[in-house]
Amino acid sequence: MDRINWLRKKTRIKNKLRKSGNAFRVIVFRSNKHIYGQVLDTEKGITLFSSSSLDNELKKEIKSTDSGKIGVSKIVAKKLSDKMKENKIKAISFDRNGYVYHGRIKAFAEELRSNGIKF
């Protein structure tokens, strides 16, 4: 029953985001060990770029932090926001993918906001 409720919540969130009218959407996925974020162009339906805790360029920075998974989430969000700034994306819709806005998801979103991304 929990899986069905989670899928319903995920569908509700996606429907609200479609109605928001923003051209870009940041989608977050988390597993037990890693976190992934990608920017989707909603008009074309393609992924523009992504960032994850598995990226080779972030592995050194992740190993140097001692703040756990929340710290890793902030690093990944910082890298993703840098890519968005390079491509002049300033406003997005944040798709938390059915996850509770808490912990790693909240840290990811707050890091995006602190780097000048509006949603």
PDB file of N, CA and C in Angstrom:
ATOM      1  N   MET A   1       0.807  -1.194   0.000  1.00  0.00           N
ATOM      2  CA  MET A   1       0.000   0.000   0.000  1.00  0.00           C
ATOM      3  C   MET A   1       0.854   1.263   0.000  1.00  0.00           C
ATOM      4  N   ASP A   2       2.019   1.211   0.627  1.00  0.00           N
ATOM      5  CA  ASP A   2       2.883   2.395   0.659  1.00  0.00           C
ATOM      6  C   ASP A   2       3.369   2.769  -0.729  1.00  0.00           C
ATOM      7  N   ARG A   3       3.682   1.800  -1.537  1.00  0.00           N
ATOM      8  CA  ARG A   3       4.165   2.065  -2.896  1.00  0.00           C
ATOM      9  C   ARG A   3       3.083   2.771  -3.722  1.00  0.00           C
ATOM     10  N   ILE A   4       1.846   2.349  -3.574  1.00  0.00           N
ATOM     11  CA  ILE A   4       0.750   2.965  -4.318  1.00  0.00           C
ATOM     12  C   ILE A   4       0.573   4.421  -3.893  1.00  0.00           C
ATOM     13  N   ASN A   5       0.624   4.678  -2.590  1.00  0.00           N
ATOM     14  CA  ASN A   5       0.495   6.047  -2.099  1.00  0.00           C
ATOM     15  C   ASN A   5       1.636   6.919  -2.592  1.00  0.00           C
ATOM     16  N   TRP A   6       2.848   6.366  -2.615  1.00  0.00           N
ATOM     17  CA  TRP A   6       4.010   7.108  -3.098  1.00  0.00           C
ATOM     18  C   TRP A   6       3.847   7.454  -4.579  1.00  0.00           C
ATOM     19  N   LEU A   7       3.365   6.512  -5.385  1.00  0.00           N
ATOM     20  CA  LEU A   7       3.158   6.777  -6.808  1.00  0.00           C
ATOM     21  C   LEU A   7       2.076   7.830  -7.022  1.00  0.00           C
ATOM     22  N   ARG A   8       1.030   7.802  -6.211  1.00  0.00           N
ATOM     23  CA  ARG A   8      -0.022   8.817  -6.318  1.00  0.00           C
ATOM     24  C   ARG A   8       0.533  10.206  -5.988  1.00  0.00           C
ATOM     25  N   LYS A   9       1.348  10.275  -4.934  1.00  0.00           N
ATOM     26  CA  LYS A   9       1.943  11.547  -4.543  1.00  0.00           C
ATOM     27  C   LYS A   9       2.870  12.066  -5.643  1.00  0.00           C
ATOM     28  N   LYS A  10       3.649  11.177  -6.212  1.00  0.00           N
ATOM     29  CA  LYS A  10       4.574  11.541  -7.294  1.00  0.00           C
ATOM     30  C   LYS A  10       3.800  12.078  -8.503  1.00  0.00           C
ATOM     31  N   THR A  11       2.688  11.452  -8.841  1.00  0.00           N
ATOM     32  CA  THR A  11       1.854  11.887  -9.963  1.00  0.00           C
ATOM     33  C   THR A  11       1.228  13.249  -9.678  1.00  0.00           C
ATOM     34  N   ARG A  12       0.762  13.459  -8.455  1.00  0.00           N
ATOM     35  CA  ARG A  12       0.201  14.751  -8.068  1.00  0.00           C
ATOM     36  C   ARG A  12       1.223  15.871  -8.217  1.00  0.00           C
ATOM     37  N   ILE A  13       2.444  15.613  -7.765  1.00  0.00           N
ATOM     38  CA  ILE A  13       3.512  16.616  -7.853  1.00  0.00           C
ATOM     39  C   ILE A  13       3.822  16.929  -9.311  1.00  0.00           C
ATOM     40  N   LYS A  14       3.931  15.903 -10.137  1.00  0.00           N
ATOM     41  CA  LYS A  14       4.252  16.124 -11.551  1.00  0.00           C
ATOM     42  C   LYS A  14       3.158  16.924 -12.259  1.00  0.00           C
ATOM     43  N   ASN A  15       1.899  16.663 -11.929  1.00  0.00           N
ATOM     44  CA  ASN A  15       0.799  17.420 -12.535  1.00  0.00           C
ATOM     45  C   ASN A  15       0.847  18.889 -12.131  1.00  0.00           C
ATOM     46  N   LYS A  16       1.168  19.180 -10.883  1.00  0.00           N
ATOM     47  CA  LYS A  16       1.294  20.563 -10.439  1.00  0.00           C
ATOM     48  C   LYS A  16       2.452  21.265 -11.134  1.00  0.00           C
ATOM     49  N   LEU A  17       3.553  20.539 -11.332  1.00  0.00           N
ATOM     50  CA  LEU A  17       4.715  21.142 -11.983  1.00  0.00           C
ATOM     51  C   LEU A  17       4.447  21.424 -13.456  1.00  0.00           C
ATOM     52  N   ARG A  18       3.665  20.586 -14.097  1.00  0.00           N
ATOM     53  CA  ARG A  18       3.321  20.825 -15.501  1.00  0.00           C
ATOM     54  C   ARG A  18       2.515  22.108 -15.657  1.00  0.00           C
ATOM     55  N   LYS A  19       1.661  22.383 -14.687  1.00  0.00           N
ATOM     56  CA  LYS A  19       0.823  23.571 -14.739  1.00  0.00           C
ATOM     57  C   LYS A  19       1.570  24.843 -14.357  1.00  0.00           C
ATOM     58  N   SER A  20       2.760  24.718 -13.769  1.00  0.00           N
ATOM     59  CA  SER A  20       3.484  25.894 -13.281  1.00  0.00           C
ATOM     60  C   SER A  20       3.979  26.778 -14.417  1.00  0.00           C
ATOM     61  N   GLY A  21       4.241  26.215 -15.572  1.00  0.00           N
ATOM     62  CA  GLY A  21       4.622  27.007 -16.728  1.00  0.00           C
ATOM     63  C   GLY A  21       6.104  27.280 -16.850  1.00  0.00           C
ATOM     64  N   ASN A  22       6.939  26.800 -15.917  1.00  0.00           N
ATOM     65  CA  ASN A  22       8.380  26.996 -16.051  1.00  0.00           C
ATOM     66  C   ASN A  22       8.928  26.121 -17.157  1.00  0.00           C
ATOM     67  N   ALA A  23       9.889  26.657 -17.886  1.00  0.00           N
ATOM     68  CA  ALA A  23      10.449  25.929 -19.018  1.00  0.00           C
ATOM     69  C   ALA A  23      11.437  24.854 -18.575  1.00  0.00           C
ATOM     70  N   PHE A  24      11.990  24.984 -17.363  1.00  0.00           N
ATOM     71  CA  PHE A  24      12.999  24.039 -16.898  1.00  0.00           C
ATOM     72  C   PHE A  24      12.581  23.434 -15.561  1.00  0.00           C
ATOM     73  N   ARG A  25      12.954  22.177 -15.375  1.00  0.00           N
ATOM     74  CA  ARG A  25      12.621  21.462 -14.157  1.00  0.00           C
ATOM     75  C   ARG A  25      13.853  20.722 -13.653  1.00  0.00           C
ATOM     76  N   VAL A  26      14.121  20.833 -12.366  1.00  0.00           N
ATOM     77  CA  VAL A  26      15.198  20.072 -11.735  1.00  0.00           C
ATOM     78  C   VAL A  26      14.570  18.869 -11.056  1.00  0.00           C
ATOM     79  N   ILE A  27      15.036  17.699 -11.439  1.00  0.00           N
ATOM     80  CA  ILE A  27      14.510  16.454 -10.888  1.00  0.00           C
ATOM     81  C   ILE A  27      15.588  15.841  -9.999  1.00  0.00           C
ATOM     82  N   VAL A  28      15.206  15.461  -8.791  1.00  0.00           N
ATOM     83  CA  VAL A  28      16.135  14.890  -7.831  1.00  0.00           C
ATOM     84  C   VAL A  28      15.776  13.434  -7.605  1.00  0.00           C
ATOM     85  N   PHE A  29      16.795  12.574  -7.598  1.00  0.00           N
ATOM     86  CA  PHE A  29      16.617  11.175  -7.238  1.00  0.00           C
ATOM     87  C   PHE A  29      17.662  10.835  -6.200  1.00  0.00           C
ATOM     88  N   ARG A  30      17.254  10.118  -5.183  1.00  0.00           N
ATOM     89  CA  ARG A  30      18.226   9.695  -4.182  1.00  0.00           C
ATOM     90  C   ARG A  30      18.118   8.194  -3.960  1.00  0.00           C
ATOM     91  N   SER A  31      19.269   7.580  -3.799  1.00  0.00           N
ATOM     92  CA  SER A  31      19.313   6.183  -3.402  1.00  0.00           C
ATOM     93  C   SER A  31      19.872   6.154  -1.984  1.00  0.00           C
ATOM     94  N   ASN A  32      20.155   4.991  -1.484  1.00  0.00           N
ATOM     95  CA  ASN A  32      20.683   4.921  -0.125  1.00  0.00           C
ATOM     96  C   ASN A  32      22.079   5.523  -0.015  1.00  0.00           C
ATOM     97  N   LYS A  33      22.857   5.466  -1.094  1.00  0.00           N
ATOM     98  CA  LYS A  33      24.238   5.955  -1.041  1.00  0.00           C
ATOM     99  C   LYS A  33      24.462   7.231  -1.835  1.00  0.00           C
ATOM    100  N   HIS A  34      23.719   7.446  -2.903  1.00  0.00           N
ATOM    101  CA  HIS A  34      24.022   8.530  -3.831  1.00  0.00           C
ATOM    102  C   HIS A  34      22.819   9.435  -4.054  1.00  0.00           C
ATOM    103  N   ILE A  35      23.107  10.599  -4.647  1.00  0.00           N
ATOM    104  CA  ILE A  35      22.058  11.539  -5.018  1.00  0.00           C
ATOM    105  C   ILE A  35      22.338  12.029  -6.431  1.00  0.00           C
ATOM    106  N   TYR A  36      21.278  12.214  -7.199  1.00  0.00           N
ATOM    107  CA  TYR A  36      21.375  12.607  -8.593  1.00  0.00           C
ATOM    108  C   TYR A  36      20.446  13.789  -8.836  1.00  0.00           C
ATOM    109  N   GLY A  37      20.882  14.721  -9.657  1.00  0.00           N
ATOM    110  CA  GLY A  37      20.032  15.836 -10.044  1.00  0.00           C
ATOM    111  C   GLY A  37      20.186  16.079 -11.533  1.00  0.00           C
ATOM    112  N   GLN A  38      19.100  16.377 -12.203  1.00  0.00           N
ATOM    113  CA  GLN A  38      19.177  16.661 -13.634  1.00  0.00           C
ATOM    114  C   GLN A  38      18.226  17.795 -13.985  1.00  0.00           C
ATOM    115  N   VAL A  39      18.623  18.558 -15.003  1.00  0.00           N
ATOM    116  CA  VAL A  39      17.801  19.663 -15.480  1.00  0.00           C
ATOM    117  C   VAL A  39      17.131  19.220 -16.761  1.00  0.00           C
ATOM    118  N   LEU A  40      15.806  19.322 -16.786  1.00  0.00           N
ATOM    119  CA  LEU A  40      15.006  18.882 -17.916  1.00  0.00           C
ATOM    120  C   LEU A  40      14.360  20.092 -18.585  1.00  0.00           C
ATOM    121  N   ASP A  41      14.439  20.147 -19.900  1.00  0.00           N
ATOM    122  CA  ASP A  41      13.712  21.158 -20.664  1.00  0.00           C
ATOM    123  C   ASP A  41      12.323  20.585 -20.905  1.00  0.00           C
ATOM    124  N   THR A  42      11.308  21.168 -20.270  1.00  0.00           N
ATOM    125  CA  THR A  42       9.969  20.593 -20.324  1.00  0.00           C
ATOM    126  C   THR A  42       9.313  20.761 -21.688  1.00  0.00           C
ATOM    127  N   GLU A  43       9.698  21.788 -22.430  1.00  0.00           N
ATOM    128  CA  GLU A  43       9.098  21.993 -23.749  1.00  0.00           C
ATOM    129  C   GLU A  43       9.585  20.954 -24.752  1.00  0.00           C
ATOM    130  N   LYS A  44      10.868  20.657 -24.728  1.00  0.00           N
ATOM    131  CA  LYS A  44      11.443  19.691 -25.661  1.00  0.00           C
ATOM    132  C   LYS A  44      11.461  18.272 -25.112  1.00  0.00           C
ATOM    133  N   GLY A  45      11.368  18.144 -23.796  1.00  0.00           N
ATOM    134  CA  GLY A  45      11.375  16.825 -23.181  1.00  0.00           C
ATOM    135  C   GLY A  45      12.736  16.171 -23.167  1.00  0.00           C
ATOM    136  N   ILE A  46      13.800  16.969 -23.081  1.00  0.00           N
ATOM    137  CA  ILE A  46      15.155  16.408 -23.068  1.00  0.00           C
ATOM    138  C   ILE A  46      15.896  16.855 -21.810  1.00  0.00           C
ATOM    139  N   THR A  47      16.859  16.041 -21.402  1.00  0.00           N
ATOM    140  CA  THR A  47      17.721  16.382 -20.287  1.00  0.00           C
ATOM    141  C   THR A  47      18.861  17.238 -20.806  1.00  0.00           C
ATOM    142  N   LEU A  48      19.028  18.416 -20.231  1.00  0.00           N
ATOM    143  CA  LEU A  48      20.084  19.320 -20.664  1.00  0.00           C
ATOM    144  C   LEU A  48      21.426  18.952 -20.039  1.00  0.00           C
ATOM    145  N   PHE A  49      21.449  18.760 -18.745  1.00  0.00           N
ATOM    146  CA  PHE A  49      22.661  18.344 -18.056  1.00  0.00           C
ATOM    147  C   PHE A  49      22.298  17.774 -16.701  1.00  0.00           C
ATOM    148  N   SER A  50      23.259  17.103 -16.096  1.00  0.00           N
ATOM    149  CA  SER A  50      22.998  16.461 -14.810  1.00  0.00           C
ATOM    150  C   SER A  50      24.255  16.499 -13.949  1.00  0.00           C
ATOM    151  N   SER A  51      24.063  16.150 -12.705  1.00  0.00           N
ATOM    152  CA  SER A  51      25.160  16.063 -11.759  1.00  0.00           C
ATOM    153  C   SER A  51      24.792  14.993 -10.742  1.00  0.00           C
ATOM    154  N   SER A  52      25.784  14.248 -10.302  1.00  0.00           N
ATOM    155  CA  SER A  52      25.511  13.219  -9.308  1.00  0.00           C
ATOM    156  C   SER A  52      26.728  13.009  -8.428  1.00  0.00           C
ATOM    157  N   SER A  53      26.530  12.270  -7.363  1.00  0.00           N
ATOM    158  CA  SER A  53      27.629  11.974  -6.456  1.00  0.00           C
ATOM    159  C   SER A  53      28.579  10.943  -7.045  1.00  0.00           C
ATOM    160  N   LEU A  54      28.276  10.425  -8.218  1.00  0.00           N
ATOM    161  CA  LEU A  54      29.152   9.468  -8.889  1.00  0.00           C
ATOM    162  C   LEU A  54      30.047  10.120  -9.937  1.00  0.00           C
ATOM    163  N   ASP A  55      29.898  11.432 -10.181  1.00  0.00           N
ATOM    164  CA  ASP A  55      30.711  12.122 -11.182  1.00  0.00           C
ATOM    165  C   ASP A  55      32.183  12.095 -10.773  1.00  0.00           C
ATOM    166  N   ASN A  56      33.038  11.832 -11.752  1.00  0.00           N
ATOM    167  CA  ASN A  56      34.467  11.746 -11.469  1.00  0.00           C
ATOM    168  C   ASN A  56      35.040  13.069 -10.985  1.00  0.00           C
ATOM    169  N   GLU A  57      34.554  14.174 -11.524  1.00  0.00           N
ATOM    170  CA  GLU A  57      35.089  15.473 -11.129  1.00  0.00           C
ATOM    171  C   GLU A  57      34.678  15.877  -9.712  1.00  0.00           C
ATOM    172  N   LEU A  58      33.666  15.250  -9.158  1.00  0.00           N
ATOM    173  CA  LEU A  58      33.222  15.564  -7.797  1.00  0.00           C
ATOM    174  C   LEU A  58      33.743  14.592  -6.743  1.00  0.00           C
ATOM    175  N   LYS A  59      34.309  13.474  -7.167  1.00  0.00           N
ATOM    176  CA  LYS A  59      34.708  12.445  -6.209  1.00  0.00           C
ATOM    177  C   LYS A  59      35.770  12.939  -5.230  1.00  0.00           C
ATOM    178  N   LYS A  60      36.735  13.745  -5.698  1.00  0.00           N
ATOM    179  CA  LYS A  60      37.772  14.257  -4.808  1.00  0.00           C
ATOM    180  C   LYS A  60      37.171  15.190  -3.756  1.00  0.00           C
ATOM    181  N   GLU A  61      36.262  16.048  -4.206  1.00  0.00           N
ATOM    182  CA  GLU A  61      35.623  16.983  -3.288  1.00  0.00           C
ATOM    183  C   GLU A  61      34.732  16.258  -2.286  1.00  0.00           C
ATOM    184  N   ILE A  62      34.075  15.205  -2.730  1.00  0.00           N
ATOM    185  CA  ILE A  62      33.196  14.438  -1.843  1.00  0.00           C
ATOM    186  C   ILE A  62      34.019  13.691  -0.794  1.00  0.00           C
ATOM    187  N   LYS A  63      35.158  13.139  -1.192  1.00  0.00           N
ATOM    188  CA  LYS A  63      35.994  12.415  -0.240  1.00  0.00           C
ATOM    189  C   LYS A  63      36.574  13.339   0.819  1.00  0.00           C
ATOM    190  N   SER A  64      36.805  14.604   0.458  1.00  0.00           N
ATOM    191  CA  SER A  64      37.402  15.544   1.406  1.00  0.00           C
ATOM    192  C   SER A  64      36.396  16.045   2.445  1.00  0.00           C
ATOM    193  N   THR A  65      35.100  15.922   2.181  1.00  0.00           N
ATOM    194  CA  THR A  65      34.105  16.367   3.153  1.00  0.00           C
ATOM    195  C   THR A  65      33.848  15.268   4.167  1.00  0.00           C
ATOM    196  N   ASP A  66      33.512  15.701   5.355  1.00  0.00           N
ATOM    197  CA  ASP A  66      33.246  14.741   6.426  1.00  0.00           C
ATOM    198  C   ASP A  66      31.848  14.943   6.995  1.00  0.00           C
ATOM    199  N   SER A  67      30.966  15.556   6.186  1.00  0.00           N
ATOM    200  CA  SER A  67      29.642  15.901   6.686  1.00  0.00           C
ATOM    201  C   SER A  67      28.561  14.900   6.290  1.00  0.00           C
ATOM    202  N   GLY A  68      28.922  13.810   5.695  1.00  0.00           N
ATOM    203  CA  GLY A  68      27.952  12.766   5.386  1.00  0.00           C
ATOM    204  C   GLY A  68      27.154  13.019   4.123  1.00  0.00           C
ATOM    205  N   LYS A  69      25.989  12.397   4.062  1.00  0.00           N
ATOM    206  CA  LYS A  69      25.168  12.451   2.846  1.00  0.00           C
ATOM    207  C   LYS A  69      24.593  13.833   2.584  1.00  0.00           C
ATOM    208  N   ILE A  70      24.292  14.585   3.628  1.00  0.00           N
ATOM    209  CA  ILE A  70      23.753  15.932   3.435  1.00  0.00           C
ATOM    210  C   ILE A  70      24.813  16.831   2.823  1.00  0.00           C
ATOM    211  N   GLY A  71      26.048  16.691   3.251  1.00  0.00           N
ATOM    212  CA  GLY A  71      27.143  17.447   2.655  1.00  0.00           C
ATOM    213  C   GLY A  71      27.355  17.096   1.196  1.00  0.00           C
ATOM    214  N   VAL A  72      27.224  15.825   0.877  1.00  0.00           N
ATOM    215  CA  VAL A  72      27.348  15.370  -0.513  1.00  0.00           C
ATOM    216  C   VAL A  72      26.230  15.975  -1.360  1.00  0.00           C
ATOM    217  N   SER A  73      25.025  16.034  -0.799  1.00  0.00           N
ATOM    218  CA  SER A  73      23.893  16.634  -1.518  1.00  0.00           C
ATOM    219  C   SER A  73      24.160  18.092  -1.843  1.00  0.00           C
ATOM    220  N   LYS A  74      24.759  18.809  -0.908  1.00  0.00           N
ATOM    221  CA  LYS A  74      25.072  20.215  -1.131  1.00  0.00           C
ATOM    222  C   LYS A  74      26.127  20.385  -2.219  1.00  0.00           C
ATOM    223  N   ILE A  75      27.113  19.508  -2.246  1.00  0.00           N
ATOM    224  CA  ILE A  75      28.159  19.576  -3.276  1.00  0.00           C
ATOM    225  C   ILE A  75      27.570  19.333  -4.654  1.00  0.00           C
ATOM    226  N   VAL A  76      26.715  18.334  -4.770  1.00  0.00           N
ATOM    227  CA  VAL A  76      26.089  18.006  -6.057  1.00  0.00           C
ATOM    228  C   VAL A  76      25.195  19.160  -6.514  1.00  0.00           C
ATOM    229  N   ALA A  77      24.442  19.745  -5.588  1.00  0.00           N
ATOM    230  CA  ALA A  77      23.569  20.873  -5.931  1.00  0.00           C
ATOM    231  C   ALA A  77      24.384  22.087  -6.357  1.00  0.00           C
ATOM    232  N   LYS A  78      25.519  22.308  -5.717  1.00  0.00           N
ATOM    233  CA  LYS A  78      26.394  23.426  -6.091  1.00  0.00           C
ATOM    234  C   LYS A  78      26.899  23.251  -7.514  1.00  0.00           C
ATOM    235  N   LYS A  79      27.319  22.050  -7.856  1.00  0.00           N
ATOM    236  CA  LYS A  79      27.817  21.767  -9.204  1.00  0.00           C
ATOM    237  C   LYS A  79      26.698  21.949 -10.232  1.00  0.00           C
ATOM    238  N   LEU A  80      25.502  21.486  -9.908  1.00  0.00           N
ATOM    239  CA  LEU A  80      24.371  21.625 -10.815  1.00  0.00           C
ATOM    240  C   LEU A  80      23.990  23.092 -11.000  1.00  0.00           C
ATOM    241  N   SER A  81      24.022  23.861  -9.923  1.00  0.00           N
ATOM    242  CA  SER A  81      23.693  25.284 -10.042  1.00  0.00           C
ATOM    243  C   SER A  81      24.752  26.032 -10.857  1.00  0.00           C
ATOM    244  N   ASP A  82      26.014  25.613 -10.764  1.00  0.00           N
ATOM    245  CA  ASP A  82      27.058  26.225 -11.595  1.00  0.00           C
ATOM    246  C   ASP A  82      26.801  25.961 -13.073  1.00  0.00           C
ATOM    247  N   LYS A  83      26.376  24.748 -13.394  1.00  0.00           N
ATOM    248  CA  LYS A  83      26.049  24.423 -14.788  1.00  0.00           C
ATOM    249  C   LYS A  83      24.855  25.235 -15.274  1.00  0.00           C
ATOM    250  N   MET A  84      23.874  25.464 -14.381  1.00  0.00           N
ATOM    251  CA  MET A  84      22.704  26.258 -14.759  1.00  0.00           C
ATOM    252  C   MET A  84      23.081  27.714 -15.001  1.00  0.00           C
ATOM    253  N   LYS A  85      23.972  28.241 -14.180  1.00  0.00           N
ATOM    254  CA  LYS A  85      24.415  29.623 -14.368  1.00  0.00           C
ATOM    255  C   LYS A  85      25.163  29.792 -15.687  1.00  0.00           C
ATOM    256  N   GLU A  86      25.980  28.809 -16.051  1.00  0.00           N
ATOM    257  CA  GLU A  86      26.696  28.864 -17.328  1.00  0.00           C
ATOM    258  C   GLU A  86      25.737  28.917 -18.503  1.00  0.00           C
ATOM    259  N   ASN A  87      24.607  28.226 -18.380  1.00  0.00           N
ATOM    260  CA  ASN A  87      23.609  28.196 -19.445  1.00  0.00           C
ATOM    261  C   ASN A  87      22.497  29.221 -19.252  1.00  0.00           C
ATOM    262  N   LYS A  88      22.694  30.143 -18.307  1.00  0.00           N
ATOM    263  CA  LYS A  88      21.781  31.263 -18.058  1.00  0.00           C
ATOM    264  C   LYS A  88      20.364  30.819 -17.682  1.00  0.00           C
ATOM    265  N   ILE A  89      20.276  29.777 -16.882  1.00  0.00           N
ATOM    266  CA  ILE A  89      18.995  29.320 -16.349  1.00  0.00           C
ATOM    267  C   ILE A  89      18.886  29.851 -14.932  1.00  0.00           C
ATOM    268  N   LYS A  90      17.867  30.683 -14.685  1.00  0.00           N
ATOM    269  CA  LYS A  90      17.724  31.310 -13.379  1.00  0.00           C
ATOM    270  C   LYS A  90      16.461  30.878 -12.643  1.00  0.00           C
ATOM    271  N   ALA A  91      15.442  30.419 -13.366  1.00  0.00           N
ATOM    272  CA  ALA A  91      14.175  30.021 -12.743  1.00  0.00           C
ATOM    273  C   ALA A  91      13.835  28.592 -13.159  1.00  0.00           C
ATOM    274  N   ILE A  92      13.448  27.794 -12.174  1.00  0.00           N
ATOM    275  CA  ILE A  92      13.152  26.380 -12.413  1.00  0.00           C
ATOM    276  C   ILE A  92      11.919  25.966 -11.605  1.00  0.00           C
ATOM    277  N   SER A  93      11.452  24.759 -11.879  1.00  0.00           N
ATOM    278  CA  SER A  93      10.505  24.066 -11.012  1.00  0.00           C
ATOM    279  C   SER A  93      11.289  22.948 -10.341  1.00  0.00           C
ATOM    280  N   PHE A  94      11.106  22.775  -9.046  1.00  0.00           N
ATOM    281  CA  PHE A  94      11.850  21.764  -8.297  1.00  0.00           C
ATOM    282  C   PHE A  94      10.982  20.529  -8.137  1.00  0.00           C
ATOM    283  N   ASP A  95      11.385  19.431  -8.752  1.00  0.00           N
ATOM    284  CA  ASP A  95      10.656  18.164  -8.681  1.00  0.00           C
ATOM    285  C   ASP A  95      11.360  17.271  -7.668  1.00  0.00           C
ATOM    286  N   ARG A  96      10.744  17.106  -6.505  1.00  0.00           N
ATOM    287  CA  ARG A  96      11.371  16.296  -5.461  1.00  0.00           C
ATOM    288  C   ARG A  96      11.079  14.815  -5.651  1.00  0.00           C
ATOM    289  N   ASN A  97      10.372  14.478  -6.718  1.00  0.00           N
ATOM    290  CA  ASN A  97      10.179  13.091  -7.142  1.00  0.00           C
ATOM    291  C   ASN A  97       9.436  12.245  -6.108  1.00  0.00           C
ATOM    292  N   GLY A  98       8.531  12.863  -5.348  1.00  0.00           N
ATOM    293  CA  GLY A  98       7.750  12.121  -4.369  1.00  0.00           C
ATOM    294  C   GLY A  98       8.404  11.988  -3.013  1.00  0.00           C
ATOM    295  N   TYR A  99       9.642  12.465  -2.860  1.00  0.00           N
ATOM    296  CA  TYR A  99      10.325  12.375  -1.573  1.00  0.00           C
ATOM    297  C   TYR A  99       9.842  13.490  -0.649  1.00  0.00           C
ATOM    298  N   VAL A 100       9.902  13.241   0.637  1.00  0.00           N
ATOM    299  CA  VAL A 100       9.547  14.245   1.626  1.00  0.00           C
ATOM    300  C   VAL A 100      10.597  15.353   1.580  1.00  0.00           C
ATOM    301  N   TYR A 101      10.148  16.600   1.714  1.00  0.00           N
ATOM    302  CA  TYR A 101      11.059  17.739   1.699  1.00  0.00           C
ATOM    303  C   TYR A 101      11.760  17.801   3.052  1.00  0.00           C
ATOM    304  N   HIS A 102      12.826  17.008   3.175  1.00  0.00           N
ATOM    305  CA  HIS A 102      13.471  16.796   4.457  1.00  0.00           C
ATOM    306  C   HIS A 102      14.854  16.225   4.199  1.00  0.00           C
ATOM    307  N   GLY A 103      15.803  16.520   5.037  1.00  0.00           N
ATOM    308  CA  GLY A 103      17.123  15.905   4.947  1.00  0.00           C
ATOM    309  C   GLY A 103      17.886  16.264   3.692  1.00  0.00           C
ATOM    310  N   ARG A 104      18.255  15.252   2.918  1.00  0.00           N
ATOM    311  CA  ARG A 104      19.071  15.464   1.721  1.00  0.00           C
ATOM    312  C   ARG A 104      18.358  16.253   0.642  1.00  0.00           C
ATOM    313  N   ILE A 105      17.047  16.038   0.482  1.00  0.00           N
ATOM    314  CA  ILE A 105      16.281  16.773  -0.525  1.00  0.00           C
ATOM    315  C   ILE A 105      16.213  18.249  -0.149  1.00  0.00           C
ATOM    316  N   LYS A 106      15.985  18.534   1.114  1.00  0.00           N
ATOM    317  CA  LYS A 106      15.935  19.913   1.587  1.00  0.00           C
ATOM    318  C   LYS A 106      17.295  20.592   1.438  1.00  0.00           C
ATOM    319  N   ALA A 107      18.363  19.894   1.775  1.00  0.00           N
ATOM    320  CA  ALA A 107      19.710  20.458   1.636  1.00  0.00           C
ATOM    321  C   ALA A 107      20.019  20.753   0.174  1.00  0.00           C
ATOM    322  N   PHE A 108      19.601  19.871  -0.717  1.00  0.00           N
ATOM    323  CA  PHE A 108      19.798  20.057  -2.153  1.00  0.00           C
ATOM    324  C   PHE A 108      19.077  21.325  -2.615  1.00  0.00           C
ATOM    325  N   ALA A 109      17.819  21.473  -2.220  1.00  0.00           N
ATOM    326  CA  ALA A 109      17.016  22.629  -2.634  1.00  0.00           C
ATOM    327  C   ALA A 109      17.562  23.930  -2.057  1.00  0.00           C
ATOM    328  N   GLU A 110      17.955  23.916  -0.802  1.00  0.00           N
ATOM    329  CA  GLU A 110      18.479  25.127  -0.185  1.00  0.00           C
ATOM    330  C   GLU A 110      19.802  25.557  -0.802  1.00  0.00           C
ATOM    331  N   GLU A 111      20.614  24.606  -1.197  1.00  0.00           N
ATOM    332  CA  GLU A 111      21.883  24.938  -1.852  1.00  0.00           C
ATOM    333  C   GLU A 111      21.632  25.566  -3.221  1.00  0.00           C
ATOM    334  N   LEU A 112      20.638  25.061  -3.947  1.00  0.00           N
ATOM    335  CA  LEU A 112      20.288  25.683  -5.226  1.00  0.00           C
ATOM    336  C   LEU A 112      19.831  27.131  -5.009  1.00  0.00           C
ATOM    337  N   ARG A 113      18.984  27.330  -4.009  1.00  0.00           N
ATOM    338  CA  ARG A 113      18.504  28.695  -3.707  1.00  0.00           C
ATOM    339  C   ARG A 113      19.631  29.621  -3.305  1.00  0.00           C
ATOM    340  N   SER A 114      20.556  29.125  -2.497  1.00  0.00           N
ATOM    341  CA  SER A 114      21.650  29.971  -2.029  1.00  0.00           C
ATOM    342  C   SER A 114      22.603  30.343  -3.162  1.00  0.00           C
ATOM    343  N   ASN A 115      22.562  29.606  -4.253  1.00  0.00           N
ATOM    344  CA  ASN A 115      23.403  29.925  -5.411  1.00  0.00           C
ATOM    345  C   ASN A 115      22.655  30.740  -6.467  1.00  0.00           C
ATOM    346  N   GLY A 116      21.494  31.279  -6.116  1.00  0.00           N
ATOM    347  CA  GLY A 116      20.810  32.206  -6.994  1.00  0.00           C
ATOM    348  C   GLY A 116      19.781  31.619  -7.937  1.00  0.00           C
ATOM    349  N   ILE A 117      19.418  30.355  -7.767  1.00  0.00           N
ATOM    350  CA  ILE A 117      18.398  29.731  -8.599  1.00  0.00           C
ATOM    351  C   ILE A 117      17.044  29.949  -7.910  1.00  0.00           C
ATOM    352  N   LYS A 118      16.058  30.416  -8.671  1.00  0.00           N
ATOM    353  CA  LYS A 118      14.740  30.710  -8.101  1.00  0.00           C
ATOM    354  C   LYS A 118      13.737  29.632  -8.484  1.00  0.00           C
ATOM    355  N   PHE A 119      12.947  29.218  -7.491  1.00  0.00           N
ATOM    356  CA  PHE A 119      11.837  28.302  -7.731  1.00  0.00           C
ATOM    357  C   PHE A 119      10.796  28.447  -6.672  1.00  0.00           C
TER     358      PHE A 119
END
